[in-house]
Protein backbone atom coordinates (compact mmCIF):
# COMPACT_ATOMS: atom_id res chain seq x y z
CA MET A 1 234.52 -85.73 -171.47
CA VAL A 2 233.80 -84.05 -174.81
CA GLU A 3 230.68 -86.33 -176.16
CA SER A 4 227.47 -84.81 -175.39
CA ILE A 5 225.67 -88.17 -175.01
CA ALA A 6 228.08 -89.51 -172.73
CA ILE A 7 227.92 -86.34 -170.51
CA MET A 8 224.06 -86.65 -170.45
CA GLN A 9 224.33 -90.27 -169.60
CA TYR A 10 227.06 -89.37 -166.90
CA LEU A 11 224.79 -86.81 -165.23
CA MET A 12 221.82 -88.76 -165.33
CA CYS A 13 223.37 -91.75 -164.03
CA ARG A 14 225.57 -89.95 -161.28
CA TYR A 15 222.52 -87.55 -160.21
CA GLY A 16 219.55 -89.59 -161.04
CA PRO A 17 217.01 -91.14 -161.10
CA THR A 18 215.54 -88.86 -163.43
CA PRO A 19 212.44 -88.78 -165.56
CA LEU A 20 214.81 -88.05 -168.81
CA ALA A 21 215.85 -91.71 -168.41
CA PRO A 22 213.70 -94.66 -168.02
CA ALA A 23 215.09 -97.33 -165.53
CA PRO A 24 216.62 -100.16 -167.08
CA HIS A 25 213.85 -102.58 -166.40
CA ASP A 26 211.26 -100.28 -167.76
CA PRO A 27 209.92 -101.52 -171.13
CA ALA A 28 210.76 -98.11 -172.70
CA PHE A 29 214.40 -98.54 -171.87
CA PRO A 30 215.80 -100.19 -175.13
CA THR A 31 213.89 -97.90 -177.34
CA TYR A 32 215.09 -94.90 -175.20
CA LEU A 33 218.51 -96.04 -175.62
CA GLN A 34 218.39 -96.66 -179.29
CA PHE A 35 217.15 -92.87 -179.70
CA LEU A 36 219.29 -91.46 -177.25
CA HIS A 37 222.40 -92.63 -179.27
CA LEU A 38 220.55 -92.31 -182.73
CA GLY A 39 220.27 -88.65 -182.16
CA GLU A 40 223.84 -87.99 -182.37
CA ALA A 41 225.29 -90.87 -184.09
CA GLY A 42 222.66 -91.51 -186.77
CA LEU A 43 221.38 -87.99 -187.33
CA ALA A 44 223.43 -85.30 -186.03
CA MET A 45 226.73 -86.68 -187.37
CA SER A 46 225.43 -87.51 -190.71
CA MET A 47 224.25 -84.01 -191.24
CA TYR A 48 227.54 -82.49 -189.87
CA ILE A 49 229.39 -84.06 -192.84
CA VAL A 50 226.62 -82.88 -195.21
CA VAL A 51 226.88 -79.24 -193.81
CA VAL A 52 230.81 -79.33 -193.55
CA SER A 53 230.89 -80.39 -197.10
CA ARG A 54 228.42 -77.83 -198.60
CA ASN A 55 229.82 -75.02 -196.58
CA LEU A 56 233.57 -75.62 -196.31
CA ALA A 57 234.56 -77.82 -199.09
CA PRO A 58 235.88 -76.18 -202.32
CA GLU A 59 232.89 -75.70 -204.59
CA ALA A 60 234.06 -78.73 -206.87
CA GLU A 61 233.86 -81.21 -203.91
CA ARG A 62 230.72 -79.92 -202.22
CA GLN A 63 228.56 -82.55 -203.56
CA ASN A 64 230.89 -85.46 -202.99
CA TRP A 65 230.17 -88.88 -202.62
CA GLY A 66 230.67 -88.81 -198.54
CA ALA A 67 228.36 -85.87 -198.42
CA ARG A 68 225.46 -87.60 -200.39
CA LYS A 69 226.07 -91.01 -198.76
CA ALA A 70 225.53 -88.98 -195.25
CA LEU A 71 222.61 -87.45 -196.56
CA GLN A 72 221.10 -91.12 -197.39
CA ILE A 73 221.98 -92.19 -193.82
CA PHE A 74 220.46 -89.22 -192.30
CA GLU A 75 217.21 -89.91 -194.49
CA SER A 76 217.13 -93.41 -193.56
CA ARG A 77 217.53 -92.61 -189.72
CA LEU A 78 214.72 -90.03 -190.22
CA GLY A 79 212.67 -92.67 -191.42
CA VAL A 80 213.20 -94.77 -187.97
CA VAL A 81 212.24 -91.37 -186.25
CA THR A 82 209.35 -90.87 -188.20
CA ARG A 83 207.87 -94.48 -187.67
CA GLN A 84 208.37 -94.10 -184.16
CA LEU A 85 206.83 -90.98 -183.73
CA ALA A 86 203.51 -92.55 -185.76
CA ARG A 87 203.30 -94.85 -182.79
CA SER A 88 204.04 -92.52 -179.78
CA PRO A 89 204.18 -88.60 -178.99
CA TYR A 90 208.04 -88.93 -178.06
CA VAL A 91 210.66 -91.21 -179.22
CA ALA A 92 210.76 -93.54 -176.33
CA GLY A 93 207.24 -93.64 -175.93
CA ASP A 94 204.57 -91.50 -174.06
CA ASN A 95 207.35 -89.37 -171.88
CA PHE A 96 210.01 -86.82 -172.98
CA THR A 97 213.26 -88.21 -172.25
CA ALA A 98 216.76 -87.20 -172.92
CA ALA A 99 216.43 -89.08 -176.22
CA ASP A 100 214.16 -86.49 -177.16
CA ILE A 101 216.79 -83.70 -176.44
CA ALA A 102 219.27 -85.71 -178.57
CA VAL A 103 216.80 -86.35 -181.57
CA THR A 104 215.34 -82.53 -181.44
CA TYR A 105 219.00 -81.13 -181.58
CA ALA A 106 219.77 -83.23 -184.66
CA LEU A 107 216.65 -82.39 -186.44
CA GLU A 108 216.99 -78.68 -185.52
CA PHE A 109 220.52 -78.89 -186.71
CA ALA A 110 219.32 -80.42 -190.24
CA GLN A 111 216.73 -77.90 -190.41
CA ARG A 112 218.96 -74.86 -189.67
CA HIS A 113 221.04 -75.81 -192.42
CA ARG A 114 218.46 -76.52 -194.80
CA CYS A 115 219.46 -80.12 -195.47
CA ALA A 116 216.04 -81.50 -194.68
CA THR A 117 212.35 -81.10 -195.16
CA PHE A 118 210.09 -82.39 -192.35
CA GLY A 119 206.56 -83.74 -192.72
CA ALA A 120 203.36 -82.90 -190.22
CA LEU A 121 204.50 -85.47 -187.95
CA GLU A 122 208.11 -84.11 -187.49
CA GLN A 123 207.08 -80.71 -187.16
CA ARG A 124 204.61 -81.63 -184.61
CA TYR A 125 207.20 -83.36 -182.70
CA LEU A 126 209.58 -80.61 -182.78
CA ALA A 127 206.84 -78.25 -181.58
CA ARG A 128 206.29 -80.72 -178.70
CA THR A 129 209.70 -80.90 -177.82
CA THR A 130 210.84 -76.93 -178.43
CA GLU A 131 207.72 -75.34 -176.69
CA ARG A 132 208.54 -77.06 -173.33
CA ASP A 133 209.42 -74.50 -170.53
CA ALA A 134 212.79 -76.14 -169.71
CA TYR A 135 213.69 -76.16 -173.54
CA LYS A 136 212.77 -72.29 -173.55
CA ARG A 137 214.86 -71.85 -170.05
CA ALA A 138 217.88 -73.73 -171.59
CA MET A 139 217.75 -71.64 -174.93
CA GLN A 140 217.98 -68.51 -172.97
CA THR A 141 221.32 -69.27 -171.36
CA CYS A 142 223.67 -68.05 -173.88
CA SER A 143 223.14 -65.55 -176.59
CA ALA A 144 224.67 -67.75 -179.22
CA THR A 145 222.15 -70.21 -178.50
CA ARG A 146 219.27 -67.92 -178.83
CA ALA A 147 220.74 -66.59 -182.17
CA TRP A 148 220.77 -70.20 -183.51
CA THR A 149 217.10 -70.83 -182.25
CA LYS A 150 215.87 -67.90 -184.19
CA GLU A 151 217.70 -69.08 -187.18
CA ALA A 152 216.38 -72.65 -186.80
CA ALA A 153 212.76 -70.99 -186.54
CA ARG A 154 213.00 -68.92 -189.50
CA SER A 155 214.08 -72.11 -191.45
CA ARG A 156 210.82 -73.74 -190.54
């Protein structure tokens, strides 16, 4: 497996149940699934296109149509996240789930590469998700991840 969300879903299904994934009969399940996949497909992927265009494309092609469209997609999907966070502390409701892992990664990626500026709601959300003990332990597992996290924090 190479897709990060598929890996998370597999591990949760294989070794669950886990509080990171609401059960299919839980009222939060549809929202959880939406944001689990939105984090990677709607947010992170569009940011990847923007970042690659800005940093790797020839100078004359850095502000290309595809990069501008990808940024519009990111901003549109960010609006979905923002509206959800206005209703609940986490993207699937009152509890932290794997959907928050996906969305936090995407938002930090955008922030790290200075592709997005977040309002107070998104900043408080990122503080909630990144101040968790489990997040801190995960970030300590490799030096490259620690360096990435420090850079992301400086960008805030």
